[in-house]
N, C-alpha and C. Protein backbone atom coordinates (compact mmCIF):
# COMPACT_ATOMS: atom_id res chain seq x y z
N MET A 1 0.92 -1.23 -0.09
CA MET A 1 0.01 -0.07 -0.36
C MET A 1 1.13 1.14 0.35
N PRO A 2 0.59 2.10 -0.67
CA PRO A 2 1.84 3.21 -0.95
C PRO A 2 1.02 4.21 -0.34
N TYR A 3 0.31 4.20 0.04
CA TYR A 3 0.14 5.96 0.75
C TYR A 3 -0.49 4.81 2.78
N LYS A 4 0.35 5.27 3.66
CA LYS A 4 -0.48 5.13 4.67
C LYS A 4 -1.02 6.29 5.67
N LYS A 5 -2.48 5.76 5.76
CA LYS A 5 -3.34 6.88 6.60
C LYS A 5 -2.76 6.88 8.29
N PRO A 6 -2.68 8.11 8.83
CA PRO A 6 -1.74 8.37 10.24
C PRO A 6 -2.64 7.76 11.01
N GLN A 7 -2.01 7.40 11.76
CA GLN A 7 -2.87 6.94 12.81
C GLN A 7 -4.01 7.68 13.18
N ILE A 8 -3.08 8.72 14.02
CA ILE A 8 -3.71 10.14 14.67
C ILE A 8 -3.97 11.16 14.05
N GLU A 9 -5.19 11.58 13.93
CA GLU A 9 -5.68 12.93 13.18
C GLU A 9 -5.23 14.17 14.10
N LYS A 10 -4.50 14.74 13.12
CA LYS A 10 -3.69 16.19 13.44
C LYS A 10 -3.78 17.38 12.86
N ILE A 11 -3.75 18.23 12.88
CA ILE A 11 -3.94 19.31 12.34
C ILE A 11 -2.53 19.53 11.61
N TYR A 12 -1.33 19.65 12.42
CA TYR A 12 -0.06 19.59 11.41
C TYR A 12 0.81 18.64 11.23
N TYR A 13 1.26 18.35 10.15
CA TYR A 13 2.19 16.76 10.33
C TYR A 13 3.54 17.53 9.77
N THR A 14 4.07 16.93 10.30
CA THR A 14 5.95 17.35 9.95
C THR A 14 6.46 16.70 8.70
N ILE A 15 7.47 17.04 8.02
CA ILE A 15 7.91 16.29 6.96
C ILE A 15 8.34 15.05 7.15
N GLY A 16 9.26 14.60 8.23
CA GLY A 16 9.41 13.26 8.14
C GLY A 16 7.93 12.49 8.26
N GLU A 17 6.82 12.98 9.31
CA GLU A 17 6.22 11.93 9.35
C GLU A 17 4.60 11.70 7.43
N VAL A 18 5.46 12.58 7.29
CA VAL A 18 4.35 12.90 5.83
C VAL A 18 5.65 11.74 4.55
N ALA A 19 6.72 12.17 4.59
CA ALA A 19 7.63 11.61 4.17
C ALA A 19 7.38 10.11 4.32
N GLU A 20 7.15 9.30 5.75
CA GLU A 20 6.83 8.13 6.05
C GLU A 20 5.43 7.75 5.14
N MET A 21 4.34 8.62 5.83
CA MET A 21 3.11 7.82 4.92
C MET A 21 3.44 7.56 3.49
N PHE A 22 3.91 8.39 2.66
CA PHE A 22 4.43 7.84 1.29
C PHE A 22 5.99 7.17 1.11
N ASN A 23 6.19 6.39 1.96
CA ASN A 23 7.50 5.58 1.78
C ASN A 23 8.13 6.36 0.81
N VAL A 24 8.89 7.42 1.27
CA VAL A 24 9.58 8.37 0.35
C VAL A 24 10.37 9.25 1.38
N ASN A 25 11.72 9.50 0.63
CA ASN A 25 12.31 10.32 1.53
C ASN A 25 11.61 11.67 1.17
N THR A 26 12.49 12.61 2.37
CA THR A 26 12.07 13.86 2.83
C THR A 26 12.64 14.96 1.99
N SER A 27 13.84 14.30 0.99
CA SER A 27 14.20 15.31 -0.07
C SER A 27 12.72 15.12 -1.21
N HIS A 28 12.13 13.93 -1.79
CA HIS A 28 11.07 13.75 -2.19
C HIS A 28 10.17 14.70 -2.09
N ILE A 29 9.18 15.32 -0.89
CA ILE A 29 8.46 16.24 -0.21
C ILE A 29 9.08 17.15 -0.67
N ARG A 30 10.38 18.15 -0.40
CA ARG A 30 10.83 18.93 -0.79
C ARG A 30 10.88 19.11 -1.96
N TYR A 31 11.31 18.53 -2.57
CA TYR A 31 11.01 18.38 -4.66
C TYR A 31 9.65 19.02 -5.41
N TRP A 32 8.86 18.22 -4.48
CA TRP A 32 7.52 18.20 -5.02
C TRP A 32 7.06 19.30 -4.44
N GLU A 33 7.32 20.24 -3.42
CA GLU A 33 6.80 21.20 -3.15
C GLU A 33 7.39 22.18 -4.02
N LYS A 34 8.88 21.64 -4.11
CA LYS A 34 9.39 22.67 -5.22
C LYS A 34 8.45 22.96 -6.53
N GLU A 35 8.62 21.88 -7.08
CA GLU A 35 7.84 22.14 -8.75
C GLU A 35 5.94 21.73 -8.50
N PHE A 36 5.36 21.74 -7.46
CA PHE A 36 4.04 21.82 -7.70
C PHE A 36 3.50 23.00 -6.76
N ASP A 37 3.23 24.01 -7.33
CA ASP A 37 2.34 25.02 -6.72
C ASP A 37 1.08 25.10 -5.81
N VAL A 38 0.33 23.93 -5.77
CA VAL A 38 -0.30 23.59 -4.97
C VAL A 38 -0.05 22.95 -3.94
N LEU A 39 1.20 23.20 -3.25
CA LEU A 39 1.87 22.20 -2.08
C LEU A 39 2.33 23.76 -1.29
N LYS A 40 1.87 24.21 -0.86
CA LYS A 40 2.43 25.28 0.74
C LYS A 40 2.19 25.12 1.89
N PRO A 41 3.22 24.22 2.20
CA PRO A 41 3.34 23.89 3.82
C PRO A 41 3.71 25.34 4.65
N PHE A 42 2.77 25.20 5.71
CA PHE A 42 3.15 25.89 6.38
C PHE A 42 4.46 26.46 7.02
N LYS A 43 5.18 27.19 7.45
CA LYS A 43 6.84 27.14 7.75
C LYS A 43 6.74 27.89 9.41
N ASN A 44 7.48 27.24 10.33
CA ASN A 44 7.41 27.94 11.43
C ASN A 44 8.52 28.94 11.69
N LYS A 45 8.97 29.31 12.74
CA LYS A 45 10.01 30.88 13.02
C LYS A 45 11.09 29.85 12.50
N LYS A 46 10.99 28.05 12.65
CA LYS A 46 12.95 27.80 12.55
C LYS A 46 12.92 27.44 11.07
N GLY A 47 11.36 26.99 10.39
CA GLY A 47 11.54 26.95 9.30
C GLY A 47 11.08 25.67 9.15
N ASN A 48 10.94 25.03 10.12
CA ASN A 48 9.77 23.82 9.77
C ASN A 48 9.20 23.67 8.42
N ARG A 49 9.04 22.34 7.74
CA ARG A 49 7.28 22.65 7.28
C ARG A 49 6.80 21.43 7.83
N LEU A 50 5.19 22.29 7.88
CA LEU A 50 4.36 21.56 8.51
C LEU A 50 2.54 21.67 7.37
N PHE A 51 2.72 20.39 7.36
CA PHE A 51 1.62 20.34 6.33
C PHE A 51 0.20 19.57 6.89
N THR A 52 -0.84 20.14 6.42
CA THR A 52 -2.40 20.39 6.95
C THR A 52 -2.89 18.76 6.28
N LYS A 53 -4.01 18.52 6.30
CA LYS A 53 -4.75 17.41 5.58
C LYS A 53 -5.05 17.88 3.86
N GLU A 54 -4.93 18.87 4.13
CA GLU A 54 -5.10 19.32 2.70
C GLU A 54 -4.34 19.13 1.80
N ASP A 55 -3.07 19.78 2.29
CA ASP A 55 -1.42 19.27 1.57
C ASP A 55 -1.53 17.74 1.53
N LEU A 56 -1.92 17.13 2.26
CA LEU A 56 -1.44 15.66 2.43
C LEU A 56 -2.51 15.13 0.92
N GLU A 57 -3.64 15.69 1.04
CA GLU A 57 -4.44 15.52 0.19
C GLU A 57 -3.72 15.67 -1.54
N GLN A 58 -3.30 16.20 -1.43
CA GLN A 58 -2.36 16.91 -2.45
C GLN A 58 -1.10 16.39 -2.76
N LEU A 59 -1.15 15.84 -1.95
CA LEU A 59 0.58 15.30 -2.01
C LEU A 59 -0.02 13.29 -2.52
N LYS A 60 -0.84 13.15 -1.99
CA LYS A 60 -1.80 11.96 -2.40
C LYS A 60 -2.48 11.68 -3.69
N LEU A 61 -2.60 12.89 -4.55
CA LEU A 61 -2.46 12.67 -5.97
C LEU A 61 -0.99 13.20 -6.71
N ILE A 62 -0.26 13.93 -6.10
CA ILE A 62 1.00 13.78 -6.61
C ILE A 62 1.94 12.62 -6.76
N HIS A 63 1.39 11.91 -5.85
CA HIS A 63 2.15 10.67 -5.47
C HIS A 63 1.64 9.41 -6.48
N HIS A 64 -0.07 9.37 -6.30
CA HIS A 64 -0.63 8.80 -7.28
C HIS A 64 0.03 8.60 -8.81
N LEU A 65 0.26 10.21 -9.26
CA LEU A 65 0.69 10.59 -10.91
C LEU A 65 1.78 9.98 -11.53
N VAL A 66 3.00 10.91 -10.31
CA VAL A 66 4.00 10.15 -10.09
C VAL A 66 4.52 9.19 -10.02
N LYS A 67 4.45 8.36 -8.79
CA LYS A 67 4.84 6.90 -8.11
C LYS A 67 3.97 5.95 -9.31
N GLU A 68 2.74 5.86 -8.79
CA GLU A 68 1.98 4.97 -9.10
C GLU A 68 1.71 4.67 -10.71
N LYS A 69 1.22 5.84 -11.52
CA LYS A 69 0.70 6.25 -12.84
C LYS A 69 2.47 6.15 -13.64
N GLY A 70 3.12 6.78 -13.62
CA GLY A 70 4.30 6.65 -13.83
C GLY A 70 4.73 8.14 -14.72
N LEU A 71 3.85 8.64 -13.84
CA LEU A 71 4.39 10.22 -15.28
C LEU A 71 5.57 10.75 -14.55
N THR A 72 6.05 11.72 -15.40
CA THR A 72 6.81 13.13 -15.09
C THR A 72 6.52 13.96 -15.12
N ILE A 73 7.43 14.77 -13.77
CA ILE A 73 6.60 16.01 -13.28
C ILE A 73 5.87 16.89 -14.01
N LYS A 74 6.21 16.73 -15.30
CA LYS A 74 6.05 17.89 -16.02
C LYS A 74 4.25 17.20 -16.36
N GLY A 75 3.92 15.90 -16.86
CA GLY A 75 3.40 15.19 -17.06
C GLY A 75 2.04 15.82 -15.83
N ALA A 76 2.73 15.05 -14.93
CA ALA A 76 1.75 15.89 -13.19
C ALA A 76 1.27 16.83 -13.04
N LYS A 77 2.34 17.82 -13.56
CA LYS A 77 1.69 19.17 -13.54
C LYS A 77 0.62 19.51 -14.67
N GLN A 78 0.53 19.04 -15.76
CA GLN A 78 -0.12 19.57 -16.76
C GLN A 78 -1.83 18.64 -16.59
N LYS A 79 -1.37 17.27 -15.58
CA LYS A 79 -2.82 16.83 -14.92
C LYS A 79 -3.49 17.71 -13.73
N LEU A 80 -3.22 17.85 -13.09
CA LEU A 80 -3.05 18.91 -12.19
C LEU A 80 -3.90 20.13 -12.57
N LYS A 81 -3.65 20.76 -13.43
CA LYS A 81 -3.54 22.07 -13.93
C LYS A 81 -5.36 21.77 -15.03
N ASP A 82 -4.87 20.66 -15.48
CA ASP A 82 -6.77 20.26 -16.25
C ASP A 82 -7.63 20.16 -15.53
N ASN A 83 -6.91 18.97 -14.65
CA ASN A 83 -8.10 18.63 -13.33
C ASN A 83 -8.90 20.08 -12.64
N LYS A 84 -7.38 21.12 -12.36
CA LYS A 84 -8.28 22.57 -11.49
C LYS A 84 -9.16 23.12 -12.55
N GLU A 85 -8.55 23.54 -14.16
CA GLU A 85 -9.76 23.67 -15.00
C GLU A 85 -11.07 23.06 -14.77
N ASP A 86 -10.87 21.72 -15.43
CA ASP A 86 -12.36 21.03 -14.87
C ASP A 86 -13.48 21.37 -13.85
N HIS A 87 -12.80 21.62 -12.47
CA HIS A 87 -13.36 21.62 -11.73
C HIS A 87 -13.85 23.16 -11.48
N GLU A 88 -12.56 24.04 -12.43
CA GLU A 88 -13.61 25.89 -12.09
C GLU A 88 -14.36 25.60 -13.17
N LEU A 89 -14.69 24.53 -14.33
CA LEU A 89 -15.73 24.24 -15.05
C LEU A 89 -16.67 23.80 -14.59
N VAL A 90 -17.03 23.34 -13.68
CA VAL A 90 -18.22 22.52 -13.51
C VAL A 90 -18.77 23.68 -12.05
N ASP A 91 -18.12 24.24 -11.62
CA ASP A 91 -17.78 24.96 -10.83
C ASP A 91 -19.09 26.49 -11.19
N ARG A 92 -17.84 26.53 -12.39
CA ARG A 92 -19.30 27.88 -13.01
C ARG A 92 -20.30 27.21 -13.61
N LEU A 93 -20.47 26.01 -13.79
CA LEU A 93 -21.80 25.64 -14.67
C LEU A 93 -22.73 25.38 -13.59
N LYS A 94 -22.18 25.07 -12.25
CA LYS A 94 -23.16 25.04 -11.25
C LYS A 94 -23.78 26.47 -10.82
N SER A 95 -23.26 27.42 -11.13
CA SER A 95 -23.26 28.90 -10.39
C SER A 95 -24.26 29.10 -11.90
N ILE A 96 -24.50 28.64 -12.62
CA ILE A 96 -25.15 29.38 -14.06
C ILE A 96 -26.30 28.57 -13.95
N ARG A 97 -26.44 27.22 -13.52
CA ARG A 97 -27.24 26.58 -13.36
C ARG A 97 -28.27 27.49 -12.04
N GLN A 98 -27.28 27.55 -11.55
CA GLN A 98 -28.55 28.04 -9.85
C GLN A 98 -29.08 29.68 -10.38
N GLN A 99 -28.24 30.57 -10.99
CA GLN A 99 -29.10 31.55 -11.79
C GLN A 99 -30.17 31.18 -12.37
N LEU A 100 -29.88 30.45 -13.60
CA LEU A 100 -31.29 30.27 -14.52
C LEU A 100 -32.50 29.36 -13.30
N ILE A 101 -32.11 28.60 -11.66
CA ILE A 101 -33.29 28.28 -11.43
C ILE A 101 -33.51 29.31 -10.96
N ASP A 102 -32.81 30.18 -10.43
CA ASP A 102 -33.20 31.44 -9.27
C ASP A 102 -34.53 32.55 -10.05
N ILE A 103 -33.60 32.54 -11.56
CA ILE A 103 -34.48 33.43 -12.50
C ILE A 103 -36.16 32.79 -12.34
N ARG A 104 -36.11 31.50 -13.29
CA ARG A 104 -37.15 30.74 -13.58
C ARG A 104 -38.32 30.79 -12.08
N ASP A 105 -37.48 31.10 -11.44
CA ASP A 105 -38.40 30.41 -9.56
C ASP A 105 -38.75 32.08 -9.31
N GLU A 106 -38.51 32.93 -10.19
CA GLU A 106 -38.59 34.09 -9.71
C GLU A 106 -39.94 34.60 -11.06
N LEU A 107 -39.98 34.38 -12.06
CA LEU A 107 -40.88 34.35 -12.90
C LEU A 107 -42.17 32.95 -12.39
N ASP A 108 -42.18 32.45 -12.07
CA ASP A 108 -43.14 31.53 -11.64
C ASP A 108 -44.05 32.22 -10.37
């Protein structure tokens, strides 16, 4: 199993904990952070990276694309960009649908 779900749900996870969850070196996590702008871990005063659950979800997707599907970093970036555009389109269509429903209700 490539991703180990954490035993205890926390607000922040250290880079060591995250690397262990994904069975990769901490250098992988730092590299992915540099390459993928969706990863923005909080850094404390010492500069230690602290990852949230949202960061873990993004890392899970990146790990899946790069390690399991075998995409290059460039390919994974494109896939993430496409997914973001798809989500934005769906959100926009939902908004338009709601506006049409509101107009219909006002006409009734």
